[in-house]
């Protein structure tokens, strides 16, 4: 249904607006940052390229519905989406001035272990992945489920890059955190 899809788009748009405003309001000086090109190249390889290849070799597959267009699936998906976005926002609030869109070490960077960081080392990725799963359930198309997998792989790659920076900055303190807390999925990975 058009209204259902539109509601999910509005939820994501409101989240994105919050994210941009929050990023602007919590800017702080950078000590070290990964190049934008490195991260963009991963995005192209893991997200854009598979979508293009899917369209070339399996045209029409992206419009294949794998879940029924049913209000129950929409409501379940919307609740999961909102839960995931709320978890990401909770993580963003606890990260404060340490947050950056790219793997970055800020001046006076601290190792945050409060809030959702007690459960996973990368709770923003956890929340966004959960929100994407909810969106896929709510909308029901195969392409969105496929996109969730691609974005999750991208989050795994990005988390690995961030952890290299954090290990260099915090050493044994971060190693201990890695031993105690899973990366993206609590108690699993």
N, C-alpha and C. Protein backbone atom coordinates (compact mmCIF):
# COMPACT_ATOMS: atom_id res chain seq x y z
N UNK A 1 0.83 -1.18 0.00
CA UNK A 1 0.00 0.00 0.00
C UNK A 1 0.88 1.25 0.00
N UNK A 2 0.48 2.21 -0.75
CA UNK A 2 1.25 3.44 -0.90
C UNK A 2 1.42 4.19 0.42
N UNK A 3 0.35 4.31 1.21
CA UNK A 3 0.41 5.04 2.46
C UNK A 3 1.42 4.40 3.42
N UNK A 4 1.45 3.07 3.48
CA UNK A 4 2.38 2.37 4.35
C UNK A 4 3.83 2.69 3.97
N UNK A 5 4.14 2.56 2.68
CA UNK A 5 5.49 2.85 2.21
C UNK A 5 5.85 4.30 2.50
N UNK A 6 4.91 5.21 2.29
CA UNK A 6 5.15 6.63 2.54
C UNK A 6 5.43 6.88 4.02
N UNK A 7 4.72 6.22 4.90
CA UNK A 7 4.93 6.40 6.33
C UNK A 7 6.34 5.95 6.73
N UNK A 8 6.79 4.85 6.19
CA UNK A 8 8.15 4.39 6.49
C UNK A 8 9.17 5.37 5.95
N UNK A 9 8.95 5.91 4.77
CA UNK A 9 9.85 6.92 4.21
C UNK A 9 9.90 8.15 5.11
N UNK A 10 8.74 8.59 5.60
CA UNK A 10 8.69 9.76 6.50
C UNK A 10 9.46 9.47 7.79
N UNK A 11 9.29 8.28 8.35
CA UNK A 11 10.02 7.92 9.57
C UNK A 11 11.53 8.01 9.33
N UNK A 12 11.99 7.46 8.22
CA UNK A 12 13.43 7.53 7.90
C UNK A 12 13.87 8.98 7.65
N UNK A 13 13.03 9.78 7.01
CA UNK A 13 13.38 11.19 6.74
C UNK A 13 13.51 11.98 8.04
N UNK A 14 12.61 11.75 8.97
CA UNK A 14 12.69 12.43 10.28
C UNK A 14 13.96 11.99 11.00
N UNK A 15 14.25 10.70 10.98
CA UNK A 15 15.48 10.20 11.59
C UNK A 15 16.71 10.86 10.96
N UNK A 16 16.74 10.91 9.65
CA UNK A 16 17.88 11.50 8.94
C UNK A 16 18.03 12.98 9.28
N UNK A 17 16.94 13.70 9.37
CA UNK A 17 17.00 15.13 9.75
C UNK A 17 17.58 15.27 11.15
N UNK A 18 17.12 14.44 12.08
CA UNK A 18 17.68 14.46 13.44
C UNK A 18 19.19 14.19 13.38
N UNK A 19 19.58 13.20 12.59
CA UNK A 19 20.99 12.79 12.49
C UNK A 19 21.85 13.95 11.98
N UNK A 20 21.38 14.63 10.95
CA UNK A 20 22.14 15.76 10.40
C UNK A 20 22.26 16.91 11.41
N UNK A 21 21.16 17.24 12.05
CA UNK A 21 21.17 18.33 13.03
C UNK A 21 22.08 17.95 14.20
N UNK A 22 21.98 16.75 14.67
CA UNK A 22 22.80 16.28 15.77
C UNK A 22 24.29 16.31 15.41
N UNK A 23 24.62 15.91 14.19
CA UNK A 23 26.01 15.94 13.74
C UNK A 23 26.54 17.36 13.74
N UNK A 24 25.73 18.29 13.29
CA UNK A 24 26.14 19.69 13.25
C UNK A 24 26.34 20.25 14.66
N UNK A 25 25.45 19.93 15.56
CA UNK A 25 25.50 20.49 16.91
C UNK A 25 26.60 19.91 17.79
N UNK A 26 27.09 18.73 17.47
CA UNK A 26 28.11 18.09 18.31
C UNK A 26 29.47 18.00 17.64
N UNK A 27 29.74 18.86 16.69
CA UNK A 27 31.05 18.85 16.03
C UNK A 27 32.15 19.11 17.05
N UNK A 28 33.30 18.49 16.82
CA UNK A 28 34.47 18.74 17.64
C UNK A 28 35.72 18.54 16.79
N UNK A 29 36.85 19.08 17.22
CA UNK A 29 38.08 18.98 16.41
C UNK A 29 38.51 17.53 16.19
N UNK A 30 39.03 17.28 14.99
CA UNK A 30 39.45 15.94 14.59
C UNK A 30 40.95 15.78 14.83
N UNK A 31 41.30 14.64 15.40
CA UNK A 31 42.71 14.30 15.59
C UNK A 31 43.21 13.48 14.39
N UNK A 32 42.38 12.51 13.96
CA UNK A 32 42.74 11.62 12.84
C UNK A 32 41.48 11.08 12.20
N UNK A 33 41.44 11.04 10.86
CA UNK A 33 40.24 10.59 10.14
C UNK A 33 40.64 9.74 8.94
N UNK A 34 39.81 8.74 8.66
CA UNK A 34 40.00 7.94 7.45
C UNK A 34 39.55 8.78 6.25
N UNK A 35 40.18 8.56 5.12
CA UNK A 35 39.81 9.33 3.94
C UNK A 35 38.39 8.96 3.48
N UNK A 36 37.69 9.97 2.97
CA UNK A 36 36.34 9.73 2.46
C UNK A 36 36.36 8.75 1.29
N UNK A 37 37.40 8.82 0.47
CA UNK A 37 37.49 7.96 -0.70
C UNK A 37 37.51 6.48 -0.30
N UNK A 38 38.26 6.13 0.75
CA UNK A 38 38.34 4.74 1.20
C UNK A 38 36.96 4.23 1.55
N UNK A 39 36.21 4.99 2.35
CA UNK A 39 34.89 4.53 2.77
C UNK A 39 33.93 4.50 1.59
N UNK A 40 33.97 5.51 0.72
CA UNK A 40 33.07 5.54 -0.43
C UNK A 40 33.33 4.35 -1.35
N UNK A 41 34.61 3.97 -1.49
CA UNK A 41 34.92 2.82 -2.35
C UNK A 41 34.31 1.54 -1.79
N UNK A 42 34.31 1.37 -0.47
CA UNK A 42 33.64 0.21 0.13
C UNK A 42 32.14 0.25 -0.15
N UNK A 43 31.55 1.42 -0.05
CA UNK A 43 30.12 1.57 -0.31
C UNK A 43 29.77 1.17 -1.73
N UNK A 44 30.59 1.59 -2.68
CA UNK A 44 30.35 1.26 -4.08
C UNK A 44 30.49 -0.24 -4.30
N UNK A 45 31.54 -0.82 -3.73
CA UNK A 45 31.80 -2.25 -3.94
C UNK A 45 30.71 -3.10 -3.31
N UNK A 46 30.30 -2.79 -2.07
CA UNK A 46 29.40 -3.67 -1.33
C UNK A 46 27.93 -3.35 -1.47
N UNK A 47 27.58 -2.16 -1.90
CA UNK A 47 26.16 -1.81 -1.99
C UNK A 47 25.75 -1.51 -3.42
N UNK A 48 26.38 -0.55 -4.04
CA UNK A 48 25.96 -0.11 -5.37
C UNK A 48 26.21 -1.18 -6.43
N UNK A 49 27.41 -1.73 -6.47
CA UNK A 49 27.75 -2.72 -7.50
C UNK A 49 26.81 -3.94 -7.48
N UNK A 50 26.54 -4.56 -6.34
CA UNK A 50 25.60 -5.70 -6.37
C UNK A 50 24.20 -5.32 -6.85
N UNK A 51 23.74 -4.13 -6.51
CA UNK A 51 22.42 -3.70 -6.96
C UNK A 51 22.40 -3.54 -8.48
N UNK A 52 23.45 -2.96 -9.03
CA UNK A 52 23.55 -2.79 -10.48
C UNK A 52 23.63 -4.16 -11.16
N UNK A 53 24.44 -5.06 -10.61
CA UNK A 53 24.58 -6.39 -11.19
C UNK A 53 23.25 -7.16 -11.12
N UNK A 54 22.54 -7.02 -10.01
CA UNK A 54 21.24 -7.67 -9.87
C UNK A 54 20.29 -7.19 -10.96
N UNK A 55 20.29 -5.89 -11.21
CA UNK A 55 19.41 -5.33 -12.23
C UNK A 55 19.79 -5.80 -13.63
N UNK A 56 21.09 -5.97 -13.87
CA UNK A 56 21.56 -6.41 -15.20
C UNK A 56 21.23 -7.89 -15.42
N UNK A 57 21.55 -8.74 -14.43
CA UNK A 57 21.43 -10.18 -14.62
C UNK A 57 20.09 -10.77 -14.19
N UNK A 58 19.31 -10.02 -13.42
CA UNK A 58 18.00 -10.52 -12.99
C UNK A 58 17.00 -9.37 -12.97
N UNK A 59 16.73 -8.79 -14.13
CA UNK A 59 15.81 -7.65 -14.16
C UNK A 59 14.43 -8.03 -13.64
N UNK A 60 13.85 -7.16 -12.89
CA UNK A 60 12.53 -7.39 -12.33
C UNK A 60 12.54 -8.09 -10.98
N UNK A 61 13.68 -8.68 -10.62
CA UNK A 61 13.76 -9.38 -9.34
C UNK A 61 13.60 -8.41 -8.16
N UNK A 62 14.03 -7.17 -8.36
CA UNK A 62 13.93 -6.19 -7.27
C UNK A 62 12.49 -5.86 -6.91
N UNK A 63 11.55 -6.10 -7.81
CA UNK A 63 10.15 -5.80 -7.51
C UNK A 63 9.39 -7.04 -7.04
N UNK A 64 10.11 -8.13 -6.78
CA UNK A 64 9.47 -9.36 -6.30
C UNK A 64 9.12 -9.21 -4.83
N UNK A 65 7.85 -9.40 -4.52
CA UNK A 65 7.38 -9.30 -3.13
C UNK A 65 7.55 -10.67 -2.48
N UNK A 66 8.22 -10.70 -1.30
CA UNK A 66 8.43 -11.96 -0.59
C UNK A 66 7.55 -12.06 0.65
N UNK A 67 6.95 -10.96 1.07
CA UNK A 67 5.99 -10.96 2.16
C UNK A 67 4.69 -10.36 1.65
N UNK A 68 3.56 -10.85 2.13
CA UNK A 68 2.28 -10.32 1.63
C UNK A 68 2.08 -8.85 2.01
N UNK A 69 1.34 -8.16 1.17
CA UNK A 69 0.97 -6.76 1.44
C UNK A 69 -0.16 -6.80 2.46
N UNK A 70 0.24 -6.92 3.72
CA UNK A 70 -0.71 -7.16 4.80
C UNK A 70 -0.45 -6.15 5.92
N UNK A 71 -1.48 -5.54 6.48
CA UNK A 71 -1.29 -4.57 7.56
C UNK A 71 -0.52 -5.12 8.76
N UNK A 72 -0.65 -6.40 9.01
CA UNK A 72 0.07 -7.01 10.14
C UNK A 72 1.57 -6.93 9.91
N UNK A 73 2.03 -7.29 8.71
CA UNK A 73 3.45 -7.20 8.40
C UNK A 73 3.92 -5.76 8.43
N UNK A 74 3.07 -4.85 7.96
CA UNK A 74 3.45 -3.43 7.98
C UNK A 74 3.64 -2.96 9.42
N UNK A 75 2.71 -3.26 10.30
CA UNK A 75 2.80 -2.79 11.69
C UNK A 75 4.01 -3.41 12.39
N UNK A 76 4.22 -4.71 12.19
CA UNK A 76 5.40 -5.37 12.78
C UNK A 76 6.67 -4.70 12.26
N UNK A 77 6.74 -4.48 10.96
CA UNK A 77 7.91 -3.84 10.36
C UNK A 77 8.12 -2.43 10.89
N UNK A 78 7.04 -1.66 11.01
CA UNK A 78 7.14 -0.29 11.52
C UNK A 78 7.64 -0.26 12.96
N UNK A 79 7.13 -1.16 13.78
CA UNK A 79 7.57 -1.22 15.19
C UNK A 79 9.05 -1.59 15.26
N UNK A 80 9.48 -2.55 14.46
CA UNK A 80 10.89 -2.95 14.44
C UNK A 80 11.75 -1.78 13.93
N UNK A 81 11.29 -1.10 12.89
CA UNK A 81 12.02 0.05 12.36
C UNK A 81 12.18 1.12 13.43
N UNK A 82 11.10 1.47 14.10
CA UNK A 82 11.16 2.51 15.14
C UNK A 82 12.05 2.08 16.30
N UNK A 83 12.01 0.81 16.66
CA UNK A 83 12.87 0.30 17.73
C UNK A 83 14.34 0.42 17.35
N UNK A 84 14.67 0.02 16.13
CA UNK A 84 16.05 0.11 15.66
C UNK A 84 16.54 1.55 15.61
N UNK A 85 15.71 2.45 15.09
CA UNK A 85 16.11 3.86 15.02
C UNK A 85 16.26 4.45 16.42
N UNK A 86 15.39 4.08 17.34
CA UNK A 86 15.51 4.56 18.72
C UNK A 86 16.81 4.07 19.36
N UNK A 87 17.17 2.83 19.08
CA UNK A 87 18.43 2.28 19.61
C UNK A 87 19.62 3.04 19.04
N UNK A 88 19.59 3.35 17.74
CA UNK A 88 20.68 4.12 17.11
C UNK A 88 20.76 5.52 17.71
N UNK A 89 19.63 6.14 17.95
CA UNK A 89 19.63 7.48 18.55
C UNK A 89 20.17 7.42 19.98
N UNK A 90 19.77 6.41 20.74
CA UNK A 90 20.29 6.24 22.09
C UNK A 90 21.81 6.13 22.06
N UNK A 91 22.34 5.36 21.11
CA UNK A 91 23.79 5.22 20.96
C UNK A 91 24.44 6.55 20.57
N UNK A 92 23.82 7.25 19.66
CA UNK A 92 24.35 8.55 19.20
C UNK A 92 24.42 9.55 20.35
N UNK A 93 23.42 9.56 21.21
CA UNK A 93 23.41 10.45 22.37
C UNK A 93 24.56 10.10 23.31
N UNK A 94 24.79 8.81 23.56
CA UNK A 94 25.88 8.41 24.46
C UNK A 94 27.25 8.67 23.85
N UNK A 95 27.34 8.63 22.55
CA UNK A 95 28.63 8.87 21.89
C UNK A 95 28.99 10.35 21.91
N UNK A 96 27.99 11.22 21.86
CA UNK A 96 28.23 12.67 21.97
C UNK A 96 29.20 13.21 20.94
N UNK A 97 30.19 13.95 21.41
CA UNK A 97 31.15 14.61 20.53
C UNK A 97 32.16 13.64 19.90
N UNK A 98 32.14 12.39 20.31
CA UNK A 98 33.02 11.38 19.71
C UNK A 98 32.51 10.90 18.36
N UNK A 99 31.24 11.18 18.04
CA UNK A 99 30.63 10.63 16.83
C UNK A 99 31.20 11.27 15.57
N UNK A 100 31.28 10.45 14.52
CA UNK A 100 31.65 10.93 13.19
C UNK A 100 31.10 9.93 12.17
N UNK A 101 30.80 10.42 10.99
CA UNK A 101 30.31 9.55 9.93
C UNK A 101 31.37 8.63 9.37
N UNK A 102 32.63 9.02 9.48
CA UNK A 102 33.76 8.22 9.03
C UNK A 102 34.56 7.76 10.23
N UNK A 103 35.31 6.67 10.11
CA UNK A 103 36.19 6.30 11.22
C UNK A 103 37.12 7.47 11.55
N UNK A 104 36.98 7.97 12.78
CA UNK A 104 37.66 9.20 13.19
C UNK A 104 38.03 9.12 14.66
N UNK A 105 39.17 9.70 14.99
CA UNK A 105 39.52 9.93 16.38
C UNK A 105 39.49 11.44 16.58
N UNK A 106 38.71 11.87 17.55
CA UNK A 106 38.55 13.30 17.86
C UNK A 106 39.58 13.74 18.89
N UNK A 107 39.78 15.04 18.98
CA UNK A 107 40.57 15.58 20.08
C UNK A 107 39.81 15.22 21.36
N UNK A 108 40.51 14.81 22.39
CA UNK A 108 39.90 14.43 23.67
C UNK A 108 38.89 13.30 23.51
N UNK A 109 39.15 12.40 22.58
CA UNK A 109 38.26 11.25 22.34
C UNK A 109 38.22 10.37 23.59
N UNK A 110 37.06 9.86 23.92
CA UNK A 110 36.92 8.95 25.05
C UNK A 110 36.34 7.63 24.57
N UNK A 111 36.63 6.58 25.33
CA UNK A 111 36.06 5.27 25.03
C UNK A 111 34.74 5.17 25.76
N UNK A 112 33.65 5.18 25.02
CA UNK A 112 32.31 5.16 25.60
C UNK A 112 31.88 3.71 25.83
N UNK A 113 31.47 3.42 27.08
CA UNK A 113 30.99 2.08 27.43
C UNK A 113 29.67 2.15 28.18
N UNK A 114 28.98 3.25 28.05
CA UNK A 114 27.70 3.43 28.74
C UNK A 114 26.54 3.24 27.78
N UNK A 115 25.34 3.20 28.33
CA UNK A 115 24.15 3.05 27.49
C UNK A 115 24.23 1.80 26.65
N UNK A 116 23.92 1.89 25.37
CA UNK A 116 23.91 0.71 24.51
C UNK A 116 25.31 0.15 24.26
N UNK A 117 26.35 0.95 24.56
CA UNK A 117 27.73 0.48 24.39
C UNK A 117 28.10 -0.58 25.42
N UNK A 118 27.23 -0.82 26.40
CA UNK A 118 27.43 -1.94 27.34
C UNK A 118 27.07 -3.25 26.67
N UNK A 119 26.23 -3.21 25.64
CA UNK A 119 25.70 -4.43 25.01
C UNK A 119 26.39 -4.78 23.70
N UNK A 120 26.75 -3.76 22.92
CA UNK A 120 27.47 -3.96 21.66
C UNK A 120 28.44 -2.80 21.46
N UNK A 121 29.54 -3.09 20.77
CA UNK A 121 30.54 -2.04 20.53
C UNK A 121 30.11 -1.06 19.45
N UNK A 122 29.21 -1.46 18.58
CA UNK A 122 28.76 -0.61 17.47
C UNK A 122 27.23 -0.55 17.45
N UNK A 123 26.63 0.03 18.49
CA UNK A 123 25.17 0.01 18.58
C UNK A 123 24.45 0.85 17.52
N UNK A 124 25.12 1.82 16.94
CA UNK A 124 24.47 2.57 15.85
C UNK A 124 24.24 1.63 14.68
N UNK A 125 25.24 0.81 14.36
CA UNK A 125 25.08 -0.15 13.27
C UNK A 125 24.04 -1.20 13.63
N UNK A 126 24.01 -1.61 14.90
CA UNK A 126 22.99 -2.57 15.36
C UNK A 126 21.60 -1.99 15.15
N UNK A 127 21.41 -0.76 15.61
CA UNK A 127 20.11 -0.11 15.50
C UNK A 127 19.68 0.10 14.06
N UNK A 128 20.61 0.57 13.24
CA UNK A 128 20.28 0.81 11.83
C UNK A 128 19.98 -0.50 11.10
N UNK A 129 20.72 -1.56 11.42
CA UNK A 129 20.45 -2.86 10.81
C UNK A 129 19.06 -3.35 11.21
N UNK A 130 18.74 -3.23 12.49
CA UNK A 130 17.41 -3.63 12.94
C UNK A 130 16.33 -2.80 12.25
N UNK A 131 16.56 -1.50 12.14
CA UNK A 131 15.59 -0.63 11.46
C UNK A 131 15.42 -1.03 9.99
N UNK A 132 16.50 -1.39 9.34
CA UNK A 132 16.41 -1.83 7.94
C UNK A 132 15.66 -3.15 7.82
N UNK A 133 15.88 -4.06 8.76
CA UNK A 133 15.12 -5.32 8.77
C UNK A 133 13.64 -5.00 8.92
N UNK A 134 13.30 -4.10 9.84
CA UNK A 134 11.91 -3.71 10.02
C UNK A 134 11.32 -3.10 8.76
N UNK A 135 12.10 -2.26 8.09
CA UNK A 135 11.63 -1.66 6.85
C UNK A 135 11.39 -2.73 5.79
N UNK A 136 12.29 -3.71 5.71
CA UNK A 136 12.11 -4.79 4.74
C UNK A 136 10.85 -5.59 5.04
N UNK A 137 10.60 -5.86 6.32
CA UNK A 137 9.38 -6.60 6.69
C UNK A 137 8.14 -5.77 6.38
N UNK A 138 8.20 -4.48 6.70
CA UNK A 138 7.04 -3.61 6.48
C UNK A 138 6.69 -3.40 5.03
N UNK A 139 7.71 -3.37 4.17
CA UNK A 139 7.46 -3.13 2.74
C UNK A 139 7.35 -4.45 1.98
N UNK A 140 8.19 -5.43 2.33
CA UNK A 140 8.03 -6.78 1.82
C UNK A 140 8.70 -7.16 0.53
N UNK A 141 9.54 -6.31 -0.05
CA UNK A 141 10.17 -6.63 -1.32
C UNK A 141 11.54 -7.29 -1.13
N UNK A 142 11.85 -8.24 -1.99
CA UNK A 142 13.11 -8.96 -1.94
C UNK A 142 14.29 -8.01 -2.00
N UNK A 143 14.22 -6.99 -2.83
CA UNK A 143 15.34 -6.07 -3.00
C UNK A 143 15.71 -5.41 -1.68
N UNK A 144 14.75 -5.12 -0.83
CA UNK A 144 15.06 -4.47 0.44
C UNK A 144 15.75 -5.45 1.37
N UNK A 145 15.30 -6.71 1.37
CA UNK A 145 15.99 -7.72 2.17
C UNK A 145 17.43 -7.90 1.68
N UNK A 146 17.60 -7.90 0.38
CA UNK A 146 18.93 -7.99 -0.22
C UNK A 146 19.78 -6.78 0.21
N UNK A 147 19.19 -5.60 0.20
CA UNK A 147 19.88 -4.39 0.63
C UNK A 147 20.30 -4.45 2.09
N UNK A 148 19.47 -5.06 2.94
CA UNK A 148 19.82 -5.20 4.36
C UNK A 148 21.12 -6.01 4.49
N UNK A 149 21.22 -7.07 3.74
CA UNK A 149 22.43 -7.90 3.80
C UNK A 149 23.64 -7.10 3.34
N UNK A 150 23.49 -6.36 2.25
CA UNK A 150 24.62 -5.57 1.74
C UNK A 150 25.05 -4.49 2.73
N UNK A 151 24.09 -3.80 3.32
CA UNK A 151 24.42 -2.75 4.29
C UNK A 151 25.05 -3.37 5.53
N UNK A 152 24.56 -4.52 5.97
CA UNK A 152 25.16 -5.19 7.13
C UNK A 152 26.63 -5.53 6.85
N UNK A 153 26.93 -6.03 5.66
CA UNK A 153 28.32 -6.32 5.30
C UNK A 153 29.14 -5.03 5.33
N UNK A 154 28.57 -3.95 4.82
CA UNK A 154 29.27 -2.66 4.84
C UNK A 154 29.52 -2.23 6.29
N UNK A 155 28.55 -2.42 7.18
CA UNK A 155 28.74 -2.08 8.59
C UNK A 155 29.84 -2.94 9.22
N UNK A 156 29.93 -4.20 8.85
CA UNK A 156 31.01 -5.05 9.37
C UNK A 156 32.36 -4.53 8.93
N UNK A 157 32.46 -4.14 7.67
CA UNK A 157 33.73 -3.59 7.16
C UNK A 157 34.06 -2.28 7.87
N UNK A 158 33.09 -1.40 7.96
CA UNK A 158 33.32 -0.10 8.60
C UNK A 158 33.68 -0.27 10.08
N UNK A 159 33.02 -1.20 10.77
CA UNK A 159 33.33 -1.41 12.18
C UNK A 159 34.77 -1.89 12.34
N UNK A 160 35.22 -2.73 11.43
CA UNK A 160 36.61 -3.20 11.48
C UNK A 160 37.58 -2.03 11.30
N UNK A 161 37.29 -1.14 10.38
CA UNK A 161 38.14 0.04 10.17
C UNK A 161 38.14 0.94 11.41
N UNK A 162 36.97 1.14 12.00
CA UNK A 162 36.89 1.97 13.21
C UNK A 162 37.68 1.34 14.34
N UNK A 163 37.60 0.03 14.46
CA UNK A 163 38.29 -0.64 15.55
C UNK A 163 39.80 -0.54 15.41
N UNK A 164 40.32 -0.47 14.20
CA UNK A 164 41.76 -0.25 14.03
C UNK A 164 42.16 1.09 14.64
N UNK A 165 41.38 2.12 14.37
CA UNK A 165 41.64 3.44 14.95
C UNK A 165 41.55 3.39 16.48
N UNK A 166 40.50 2.74 16.99
CA UNK A 166 40.28 2.70 18.44
C UNK A 166 41.37 1.88 19.15
N UNK A 167 41.84 0.82 18.51
CA UNK A 167 42.93 0.04 19.09
C UNK A 167 44.22 0.87 19.16
N UNK A 168 44.49 1.64 18.11
CA UNK A 168 45.67 2.49 18.12
C UNK A 168 45.58 3.57 19.19
N UNK A 169 44.37 4.07 19.41
CA UNK A 169 44.19 5.16 20.38
C UNK A 169 44.13 4.66 21.83
N UNK A 170 43.44 3.54 22.06
CA UNK A 170 43.19 3.10 23.44
C UNK A 170 43.91 1.81 23.83
N UNK A 171 44.55 1.13 22.88
CA UNK A 171 45.36 -0.05 23.18
C UNK A 171 44.66 -1.13 23.97
N UNK A 172 45.28 -1.53 25.09
CA UNK A 172 44.77 -2.63 25.92
C UNK A 172 43.37 -2.36 26.45
N UNK A 173 43.05 -1.11 26.73
CA UNK A 173 41.72 -0.75 27.21
C UNK A 173 40.65 -1.17 26.18
N UNK A 174 40.95 -0.94 24.89
CA UNK A 174 40.00 -1.34 23.85
C UNK A 174 40.02 -2.86 23.64
N UNK A 175 41.18 -3.48 23.75
CA UNK A 175 41.26 -4.94 23.64
C UNK A 175 40.38 -5.60 24.70
N UNK A 176 40.42 -5.08 25.92
CA UNK A 176 39.59 -5.63 26.98
C UNK A 176 38.10 -5.44 26.65
N UNK A 177 37.75 -4.27 26.14
CA UNK A 177 36.37 -3.99 25.74
C UNK A 177 35.92 -4.99 24.67
N UNK A 178 36.79 -5.28 23.71
CA UNK A 178 36.47 -6.25 22.65
C UNK A 178 36.23 -7.64 23.23
N UNK A 179 37.00 -8.01 24.25
CA UNK A 179 36.82 -9.32 24.86
C UNK A 179 35.50 -9.41 25.63
N UNK A 180 35.03 -8.29 26.17
CA UNK A 180 33.85 -8.28 27.03
C UNK A 180 32.53 -8.04 26.30
N UNK A 181 32.58 -7.35 25.16
CA UNK A 181 31.35 -6.91 24.49
C UNK A 181 31.40 -7.30 23.02
N UNK A 182 30.32 -7.91 22.52
CA UNK A 182 30.24 -8.28 21.11
C UNK A 182 30.18 -7.04 20.22
N UNK A 183 30.43 -7.22 18.93
CA UNK A 183 30.56 -6.10 18.00
C UNK A 183 29.22 -5.46 17.61
N UNK A 184 28.34 -6.23 16.97
CA UNK A 184 27.13 -5.64 16.42
C UNK A 184 25.85 -6.31 16.91
N UNK A 185 25.88 -7.64 17.05
CA UNK A 185 24.69 -8.36 17.51
C UNK A 185 24.98 -8.87 18.92
N UNK A 186 24.23 -8.39 19.91
CA UNK A 186 24.49 -8.80 21.30
C UNK A 186 24.56 -10.32 21.45
N UNK A 187 25.57 -10.78 22.17
CA UNK A 187 25.79 -12.20 22.50
C UNK A 187 26.11 -13.07 21.30
N UNK A 188 26.22 -12.50 20.09
CA UNK A 188 26.44 -13.32 18.88
C UNK A 188 27.73 -12.93 18.18
N UNK A 189 27.76 -11.72 17.63
CA UNK A 189 28.91 -11.28 16.83
C UNK A 189 29.30 -9.87 17.24
